[in-house]
Amino acid sequence: MGKNKKYNRSVYQSLAVITQFGINMLVPIFLCSFAGLFLDRKLGTAFWFVLLFFVGALAGFRNIFILARKIYEGEKKDENQT
């Protein structure tokens, strides 16, 4: 029984991490894209959307990198303690 609970906890933790990765990637892209779309409509231009989309993508990749580094460092600390 104890092993099954540990397995279930591991699965839920993995799902939470995957969800965090998705949110950390998509939110900056959507926010920057909507800001670019808003600016393009207000200013009558056609480049803000594309520019801010890539800025959002870079911000998302940065967020993913930081999150992955924190998770990896946490796993290293756990291994050293046992």
PDB file of N, CA and C in Angstrom:
ATOM      1  N   MET A   1       0.812  -1.209   0.000  1.00  0.00           N
ATOM      2  CA  MET A   1       0.000   0.000   0.000  1.00  0.00           C
ATOM      3  C   MET A   1       0.845   1.259   0.000  1.00  0.00           C
ATOM      4  N   GLY A   2       1.916   1.291   0.804  1.00  0.00           N
ATOM      5  CA  GLY A   2       2.751   2.479   0.921  1.00  0.00           C
ATOM      6  C   GLY A   2       3.406   2.848  -0.403  1.00  0.00           C
ATOM      7  N   LYS A   3       3.802   1.813  -1.151  1.00  0.00           N
ATOM      8  CA  LYS A   3       4.451   2.062  -2.434  1.00  0.00           C
ATOM      9  C   LYS A   3       3.463   2.672  -3.433  1.00  0.00           C
ATOM     10  N   ASN A   4       2.209   2.229  -3.398  1.00  0.00           N
ATOM     11  CA  ASN A   4       1.174   2.756  -4.288  1.00  0.00           C
ATOM     12  C   ASN A   4       0.907   4.231  -4.004  1.00  0.00           C
ATOM     13  N   LYS A   5       0.878   4.612  -2.727  1.00  0.00           N
ATOM     14  CA  LYS A   5       0.677   6.022  -2.373  1.00  0.00           C
ATOM     15  C   LYS A   5       1.840   6.866  -2.867  1.00  0.00           C
ATOM     16  N   LYS A   6       3.056   6.325  -2.717  1.00  0.00           N
ATOM     17  CA  LYS A   6       4.239   7.061  -3.172  1.00  0.00           C
ATOM     18  C   LYS A   6       4.208   7.227  -4.688  1.00  0.00           C
ATOM     19  N   TYR A   7       3.779   6.190  -5.393  1.00  0.00           N
ATOM     20  CA  TYR A   7       3.664   6.260  -6.851  1.00  0.00           C
ATOM     21  C   TYR A   7       2.632   7.307  -7.259  1.00  0.00           C
ATOM     22  N   ASN A   8       1.465   7.305  -6.599  1.00  0.00           N
ATOM     23  CA  ASN A   8       0.428   8.279  -6.919  1.00  0.00           C
ATOM     24  C   ASN A   8       0.911   9.698  -6.671  1.00  0.00           C
ATOM     25  N   ARG A   9       1.628   9.909  -5.576  1.00  0.00           N
ATOM     26  CA  ARG A   9       2.164  11.237  -5.286  1.00  0.00           C
ATOM     27  C   ARG A   9       3.157  11.666  -6.366  1.00  0.00           C
ATOM     28  N   SER A  10       3.967  10.733  -6.823  1.00  0.00           N
ATOM     29  CA  SER A  10       4.939  11.020  -7.868  1.00  0.00           C
ATOM     30  C   SER A  10       4.232  11.406  -9.174  1.00  0.00           C
ATOM     31  N   VAL A  11       3.163  10.712  -9.498  1.00  0.00           N
ATOM     32  CA  VAL A  11       2.411  11.017 -10.719  1.00  0.00           C
ATOM     33  C   VAL A  11       1.795  12.414 -10.621  1.00  0.00           C
ATOM     34  N   TYR A  12       1.203  12.724  -9.475  1.00  0.00           N
ATOM     35  CA  TYR A  12       0.586  14.044  -9.312  1.00  0.00           C
ATOM     36  C   TYR A  12       1.634  15.158  -9.335  1.00  0.00           C
ATOM     37  N   GLN A  13       2.791  14.902  -8.761  1.00  0.00           N
ATOM     38  CA  GLN A  13       3.863  15.897  -8.804  1.00  0.00           C
ATOM     39  C   GLN A  13       4.332  16.109 -10.238  1.00  0.00           C
ATOM     40  N   SER A  14       4.425  15.042 -11.002  1.00  0.00           N
ATOM     41  CA  SER A  14       4.837  15.162 -12.409  1.00  0.00           C
ATOM     42  C   SER A  14       3.809  15.950 -13.216  1.00  0.00           C
ATOM     43  N   LEU A  15       2.536  15.677 -12.979  1.00  0.00           N
ATOM     44  CA  LEU A  15       1.485  16.426 -13.680  1.00  0.00           C
ATOM     45  C   LEU A  15       1.514  17.904 -13.308  1.00  0.00           C
ATOM     46  N   ALA A  16       1.792  18.194 -12.044  1.00  0.00           N
ATOM     47  CA  ALA A  16       1.882  19.592 -11.606  1.00  0.00           C
ATOM     48  C   ALA A  16       3.051  20.295 -12.285  1.00  0.00           C
ATOM     49  N   VAL A  17       4.171  19.606 -12.420  1.00  0.00           N
ATOM     50  CA  VAL A  17       5.338  20.204 -13.079  1.00  0.00           C
ATOM     51  C   VAL A  17       5.055  20.450 -14.553  1.00  0.00           C
ATOM     52  N   ILE A  18       4.415  19.501 -15.212  1.00  0.00           N
ATOM     53  CA  ILE A  18       4.073  19.672 -16.630  1.00  0.00           C
ATOM     54  C   ILE A  18       3.126  20.858 -16.805  1.00  0.00           C
ATOM     55  N   THR A  19       2.165  20.986 -15.905  1.00  0.00           N
ATOM     56  CA  THR A  19       1.234  22.114 -15.959  1.00  0.00           C
ATOM     57  C   THR A  19       1.966  23.433 -15.757  1.00  0.00           C
ATOM     58  N   GLN A  20       2.904  23.462 -14.819  1.00  0.00           N
ATOM     59  CA  GLN A  20       3.687  24.677 -14.588  1.00  0.00           C
ATOM     60  C   GLN A  20       4.492  25.048 -15.828  1.00  0.00           C
ATOM     61  N   PHE A  21       5.080  24.057 -16.475  1.00  0.00           N
ATOM     62  CA  PHE A  21       5.831  24.332 -17.697  1.00  0.00           C
ATOM     63  C   PHE A  21       4.926  24.963 -18.758  1.00  0.00           C
ATOM     64  N   GLY A  22       3.744  24.397 -18.938  1.00  0.00           N
ATOM     65  CA  GLY A  22       2.820  24.929 -19.941  1.00  0.00           C
ATOM     66  C   GLY A  22       2.379  26.343 -19.628  1.00  0.00           C
ATOM     67  N   ILE A  23       2.022  26.592 -18.381  1.00  0.00           N
ATOM     68  CA  ILE A  23       1.583  27.938 -17.996  1.00  0.00           C
ATOM     69  C   ILE A  23       2.724  28.933 -18.139  1.00  0.00           C
ATOM     70  N   ASN A  24       3.924  28.549 -17.682  1.00  0.00           N
ATOM     71  CA  ASN A  24       5.069  29.452 -17.761  1.00  0.00           C
ATOM     72  C   ASN A  24       5.470  29.758 -19.197  1.00  0.00           C
ATOM     73  N   MET A  25       5.118  28.905 -20.120  1.00  0.00           N
ATOM     74  CA  MET A  25       5.443  29.149 -21.527  1.00  0.00           C
ATOM     75  C   MET A  25       4.340  29.935 -22.232  1.00  0.00           C
ATOM     76  N   LEU A  26       3.088  29.593 -21.983  1.00  0.00           N
ATOM     77  CA  LEU A  26       1.990  30.173 -22.754  1.00  0.00           C
ATOM     78  C   LEU A  26       1.566  31.563 -22.296  1.00  0.00           C
ATOM     79  N   VAL A  27       1.598  31.829 -21.004  1.00  0.00           N
ATOM     80  CA  VAL A  27       1.121  33.119 -20.506  1.00  0.00           C
ATOM     81  C   VAL A  27       1.914  34.290 -21.091  1.00  0.00           C
ATOM     82  N   PRO A  28       3.250  34.283 -21.066  1.00  0.00           N
ATOM     83  CA  PRO A  28       3.961  35.418 -21.660  1.00  0.00           C
ATOM     84  C   PRO A  28       3.703  35.571 -23.162  1.00  0.00           C
ATOM     85  N   ILE A  29       3.570  34.449 -23.862  1.00  0.00           N
ATOM     86  CA  ILE A  29       3.307  34.524 -25.303  1.00  0.00           C
ATOM     87  C   ILE A  29       1.950  35.175 -25.564  1.00  0.00           C
ATOM     88  N   PHE A  30       0.916  34.728 -24.834  1.00  0.00           N
ATOM     89  CA  PHE A  30      -0.413  35.302 -25.036  1.00  0.00           C
ATOM     90  C   PHE A  30      -0.462  36.773 -24.635  1.00  0.00           C
ATOM     91  N   LEU A  31       0.111  37.108 -23.498  1.00  0.00           N
ATOM     92  CA  LEU A  31       0.080  38.506 -23.045  1.00  0.00           C
ATOM     93  C   LEU A  31       0.798  39.430 -24.027  1.00  0.00           C
ATOM     94  N   CYS A  32       1.977  39.022 -24.454  1.00  0.00           N
ATOM     95  CA  CYS A  32       2.728  39.858 -25.398  1.00  0.00           C
ATOM     96  C   CYS A  32       2.033  39.918 -26.759  1.00  0.00           C
ATOM     97  N   SER A  33       1.447  38.813 -27.200  1.00  0.00           N
ATOM     98  CA  SER A  33       0.736  38.815 -28.482  1.00  0.00           C
ATOM     99  C   SER A  33      -0.474  39.740 -28.438  1.00  0.00           C
ATOM    100  N   PHE A  34      -1.236  39.673 -27.353  1.00  0.00           N
ATOM    101  CA  PHE A  34      -2.393  40.557 -27.243  1.00  0.00           C
ATOM    102  C   PHE A  34      -1.970  42.019 -27.141  1.00  0.00           C
ATOM    103  N   ALA A  35      -0.873  42.286 -26.446  1.00  0.00           N
ATOM    104  CA  ALA A  35      -0.366  43.659 -26.374  1.00  0.00           C
ATOM    105  C   ALA A  35       0.067  44.127 -27.758  1.00  0.00           C
ATOM    106  N   GLY A  36       0.724  43.262 -28.515  1.00  0.00           N
ATOM    107  CA  GLY A  36       1.146  43.610 -29.872  1.00  0.00           C
ATOM    108  C   GLY A  36      -0.038  43.842 -30.793  1.00  0.00           C
ATOM    109  N   LEU A  37      -1.049  43.015 -30.667  1.00  0.00           N
ATOM    110  CA  LEU A  37      -2.259  43.177 -31.469  1.00  0.00           C
ATOM    111  C   LEU A  37      -2.950  44.497 -31.130  1.00  0.00           C
ATOM    112  N   PHE A  38      -3.027  44.806 -29.853  1.00  0.00           N
ATOM    113  CA  PHE A  38      -3.621  46.066 -29.405  1.00  0.00           C
ATOM    114  C   PHE A  38      -2.852  47.262 -29.976  1.00  0.00           C
ATOM    115  N   LEU A  39      -1.525  47.222 -29.881  1.00  0.00           N
ATOM    116  CA  LEU A  39      -0.710  48.328 -30.401  1.00  0.00           C
ATOM    117  C   LEU A  39      -0.844  48.458 -31.918  1.00  0.00           C
ATOM    118  N   ASP A  40      -0.865  47.328 -32.614  1.00  0.00           N
ATOM    119  CA  ASP A  40      -1.015  47.380 -34.073  1.00  0.00           C
ATOM    120  C   ASP A  40      -2.344  48.016 -34.471  1.00  0.00           C
ATOM    121  N   ARG A  41      -3.391  47.683 -33.756  1.00  0.00           N
ATOM    122  CA  ARG A  41      -4.704  48.263 -34.091  1.00  0.00           C
ATOM    123  C   ARG A  41      -4.760  49.748 -33.753  1.00  0.00           C
ATOM    124  N   LYS A  42      -4.177  50.134 -32.622  1.00  0.00           N
ATOM    125  CA  LYS A  42      -4.208  51.540 -32.216  1.00  0.00           C
ATOM    126  C   LYS A  42      -3.313  52.415 -33.086  1.00  0.00           C
ATOM    127  N   LEU A  43      -2.148  51.891 -33.445  1.00  0.00           N
ATOM    128  CA  LEU A  43      -1.172  52.694 -34.186  1.00  0.00           C
ATOM    129  C   LEU A  43      -1.251  52.491 -35.696  1.00  0.00           C
ATOM    130  N   GLY A  44      -2.014  51.516 -36.138  1.00  0.00           N
ATOM    131  CA  GLY A  44      -2.133  51.248 -37.571  1.00  0.00           C
ATOM    132  C   GLY A  44      -0.868  50.648 -38.161  1.00  0.00           C
ATOM    133  N   THR A  45      -0.114  49.933 -37.357  1.00  0.00           N
ATOM    134  CA  THR A  45       1.114  49.301 -37.829  1.00  0.00           C
ATOM    135  C   THR A  45       0.889  47.808 -37.996  1.00  0.00           C
ATOM    136  N   ALA A  46       1.959  47.101 -38.426  1.00  0.00           N
ATOM    137  CA  ALA A  46       1.818  45.662 -38.632  1.00  0.00           C
ATOM    138  C   ALA A  46       3.004  44.872 -38.100  1.00  0.00           C
ATOM    139  N   PHE A  47       3.837  45.480 -37.258  1.00  0.00           N
ATOM    140  CA  PHE A  47       5.010  44.744 -36.800  1.00  0.00           C
ATOM    141  C   PHE A  47       5.042  44.493 -35.293  1.00  0.00           C
ATOM    142  N   TRP A  48       4.230  45.184 -34.513  1.00  0.00           N
ATOM    143  CA  TRP A  48       4.260  45.011 -33.061  1.00  0.00           C
ATOM    144  C   TRP A  48       3.837  43.610 -32.635  1.00  0.00           C
ATOM    145  N   PHE A  49       2.839  43.079 -33.316  1.00  0.00           N
ATOM    146  CA  PHE A  49       2.371  41.736 -32.965  1.00  0.00           C
ATOM    147  C   PHE A  49       3.498  40.718 -33.108  1.00  0.00           C
ATOM    148  N   VAL A  50       4.176  40.733 -34.232  1.00  0.00           N
ATOM    149  CA  VAL A  50       5.252  39.770 -34.495  1.00  0.00           C
ATOM    150  C   VAL A  50       6.403  39.984 -33.512  1.00  0.00           C
ATOM    151  N   LEU A  51       6.785  41.233 -33.322  1.00  0.00           N
ATOM    152  CA  LEU A  51       7.887  41.548 -32.419  1.00  0.00           C
ATOM    153  C   LEU A  51       7.579  41.098 -30.986  1.00  0.00           C
ATOM    154  N   LEU A  52       6.401  41.459 -30.497  1.00  0.00           N
ATOM    155  CA  LEU A  52       6.056  41.104 -29.126  1.00  0.00           C
ATOM    156  C   LEU A  52       5.764  39.612 -28.962  1.00  0.00           C
ATOM    157  N   PHE A  53       5.322  38.953 -30.030  1.00  0.00           N
ATOM    158  CA  PHE A  53       5.167  37.499 -29.968  1.00  0.00           C
ATOM    159  C   PHE A  53       6.508  36.842 -29.668  1.00  0.00           C
ATOM    160  N   PHE A  54       7.552  37.268 -30.371  1.00  0.00           N
ATOM    161  CA  PHE A  54       8.872  36.689 -30.142  1.00  0.00           C
ATOM    162  C   PHE A  54       9.439  37.087 -28.781  1.00  0.00           C
ATOM    163  N   VAL A  55       9.140  38.279 -28.329  1.00  0.00           N
ATOM    164  CA  VAL A  55       9.548  38.684 -26.984  1.00  0.00           C
ATOM    165  C   VAL A  55       8.863  37.771 -25.948  1.00  0.00           C
ATOM    166  N   GLY A  56       7.585  37.508 -26.149  1.00  0.00           N
ATOM    167  CA  GLY A  56       6.858  36.609 -25.252  1.00  0.00           C
ATOM    168  C   GLY A  56       7.426  35.194 -25.295  1.00  0.00           C
ATOM    169  N   ALA A  57       7.790  34.724 -26.477  1.00  0.00           N
ATOM    170  CA  ALA A  57       8.380  33.390 -26.597  1.00  0.00           C
ATOM    171  C   ALA A  57       9.714  33.324 -25.861  1.00  0.00           C
ATOM    172  N   LEU A  58      10.528  34.352 -26.005  1.00  0.00           N
ATOM    173  CA  LEU A  58      11.799  34.387 -25.286  1.00  0.00           C
ATOM    174  C   LEU A  58      11.579  34.433 -23.777  1.00  0.00           C
ATOM    175  N   ALA A  59      10.609  35.208 -23.332  1.00  0.00           N
ATOM    176  CA  ALA A  59      10.292  35.268 -21.901  1.00  0.00           C
ATOM    177  C   ALA A  59       9.805  33.905 -21.411  1.00  0.00           C
ATOM    178  N   GLY A  60       9.006  33.223 -22.210  1.00  0.00           N
ATOM    179  CA  GLY A  60       8.526  31.894 -21.845  1.00  0.00           C
ATOM    180  C   GLY A  60       9.666  30.894 -21.729  1.00  0.00           C
ATOM    181  N   PHE A  61      10.596  30.921 -22.693  1.00  0.00           N
ATOM    182  CA  PHE A  61      11.743  30.022 -22.628  1.00  0.00           C
ATOM    183  C   PHE A  61      12.606  30.330 -21.406  1.00  0.00           C
ATOM    184  N   ARG A  62      12.733  31.601 -21.075  1.00  0.00           N
ATOM    185  CA  ARG A  62      13.493  31.985 -19.882  1.00  0.00           C
ATOM    186  C   ARG A  62      12.813  31.429 -18.627  1.00  0.00           C
ATOM    187  N   ASN A  63      11.488  31.551 -18.558  1.00  0.00           N
ATOM    188  CA  ASN A  63      10.749  31.013 -17.413  1.00  0.00           C
ATOM    189  C   ASN A  63      10.928  29.510 -17.291  1.00  0.00           C
ATOM    190  N   ILE A  64      10.874  28.813 -18.419  1.00  0.00           N
ATOM    191  CA  ILE A  64      11.049  27.360 -18.428  1.00  0.00           C
ATOM    192  C   ILE A  64      12.449  26.992 -17.959  1.00  0.00           C
ATOM    193  N   PHE A  65      13.446  27.732 -18.423  1.00  0.00           N
ATOM    194  CA  PHE A  65      14.821  27.469 -18.031  1.00  0.00           C
ATOM    195  C   PHE A  65      15.001  27.634 -16.525  1.00  0.00           C
ATOM    196  N   ILE A  66      14.450  28.710 -15.974  1.00  0.00           N
ATOM    197  CA  ILE A  66      14.571  28.964 -14.543  1.00  0.00           C
ATOM    198  C   ILE A  66      13.859  27.871 -13.741  1.00  0.00           C
ATOM    199  N   LEU A  67      12.657  27.492 -14.167  1.00  0.00           N
ATOM    200  CA  LEU A  67      11.903  26.448 -13.471  1.00  0.00           C
ATOM    201  C   LEU A  67      12.634  25.108 -13.543  1.00  0.00           C
ATOM    202  N   ALA A  68      13.148  24.762 -14.710  1.00  0.00           N
ATOM    203  CA  ALA A  68      13.859  23.494 -14.871  1.00  0.00           C
ATOM    204  C   ALA A  68      15.122  23.476 -14.015  1.00  0.00           C
ATOM    205  N   ARG A  69      15.814  24.588 -13.940  1.00  0.00           N
ATOM    206  CA  ARG A  69      17.027  24.660 -13.122  1.00  0.00           C
ATOM    207  C   ARG A  69      16.685  24.475 -11.641  1.00  0.00           C
ATOM    208  N   LYS A  70      15.600  25.100 -11.183  1.00  0.00           N
ATOM    209  CA  LYS A  70      15.182  24.934  -9.782  1.00  0.00           C
ATOM    210  C   LYS A  70      14.821  23.482  -9.487  1.00  0.00           C
ATOM    211  N   ILE A  71      14.110  22.841 -10.392  1.00  0.00           N
ATOM    212  CA  ILE A  71      13.722  21.446 -10.194  1.00  0.00           C
ATOM    213  C   ILE A  71      14.953  20.551 -10.172  1.00  0.00           C
ATOM    214  N   TYR A  72      15.866  20.781 -11.100  1.00  0.00           N
ATOM    215  CA  TYR A  72      17.082  19.961 -11.175  1.00  0.00           C
ATOM    216  C   TYR A  72      17.939  20.143  -9.931  1.00  0.00           C
ATOM    217  N   GLU A  73      18.087  21.388  -9.465  1.00  0.00           N
ATOM    218  CA  GLU A  73      18.876  21.631  -8.258  1.00  0.00           C
ATOM    219  C   GLU A  73      18.209  21.006  -7.043  1.00  0.00           C
ATOM    220  N   GLY A  74      16.875  21.024  -6.996  1.00  0.00           N
ATOM    221  CA  GLY A  74      16.157  20.381  -5.896  1.00  0.00           C
ATOM    222  C   GLY A  74      16.383  18.880  -5.884  1.00  0.00           C
ATOM    223  N   GLU A  75      16.419  18.257  -7.054  1.00  0.00           N
ATOM    224  CA  GLU A  75      16.661  16.816  -7.139  1.00  0.00           C
ATOM    225  C   GLU A  75      18.080  16.479  -6.706  1.00  0.00           C
ATOM    226  N   LYS A  76      19.040  17.342  -7.062  1.00  0.00           N
ATOM    227  CA  LYS A  76      20.417  17.105  -6.659  1.00  0.00           C
ATOM    228  C   LYS A  76      20.573  17.161  -5.147  1.00  0.00           C
ATOM    229  N   LYS A  77      19.887  18.118  -4.503  1.00  0.00           N
ATOM    230  CA  LYS A  77      19.944  18.247  -3.048  1.00  0.00           C
ATOM    231  C   LYS A  77      19.329  17.023  -2.383  1.00  0.00           C
ATOM    232  N   ASP A  78      18.211  16.525  -2.952  1.00  0.00           N
ATOM    233  CA  ASP A  78      17.550  15.333  -2.404  1.00  0.00           C
ATOM    234  C   ASP A  78      18.465  14.110  -2.497  1.00  0.00           C
ATOM    235  N   GLU A  79      19.199  13.974  -3.592  1.00  0.00           N
ATOM    236  CA  GLU A  79      20.101  12.840  -3.763  1.00  0.00           C
ATOM    237  C   GLU A  79      21.254  12.924  -2.787  1.00  0.00           C
ATOM    238  N   ASN A  80      21.761  14.120  -2.528  1.00  0.00           N
ATOM    239  CA  ASN A  80      22.898  14.279  -1.623  1.00  0.00           C
ATOM    240  C   ASN A  80      22.502  14.031  -0.165  1.00  0.00           C
ATOM    241  N   GLN A  81      21.244  14.226   0.170  1.00  0.00           N
ATOM    242  CA  GLN A  81      20.805  14.041   1.548  1.00  0.00           C
ATOM    243  C   GLN A  81      20.613  12.573   1.909  1.00  0.00           C
ATOM    244  N   THR A  82      20.390  11.736   0.908  1.00  0.00           N
ATOM    245  CA  THR A  82      20.163  10.306   1.216  1.00  0.00           C
ATOM    246  C   THR A  82      21.430   9.524   1.247  1.00  0.00           C
TER     247      THR A  82
END
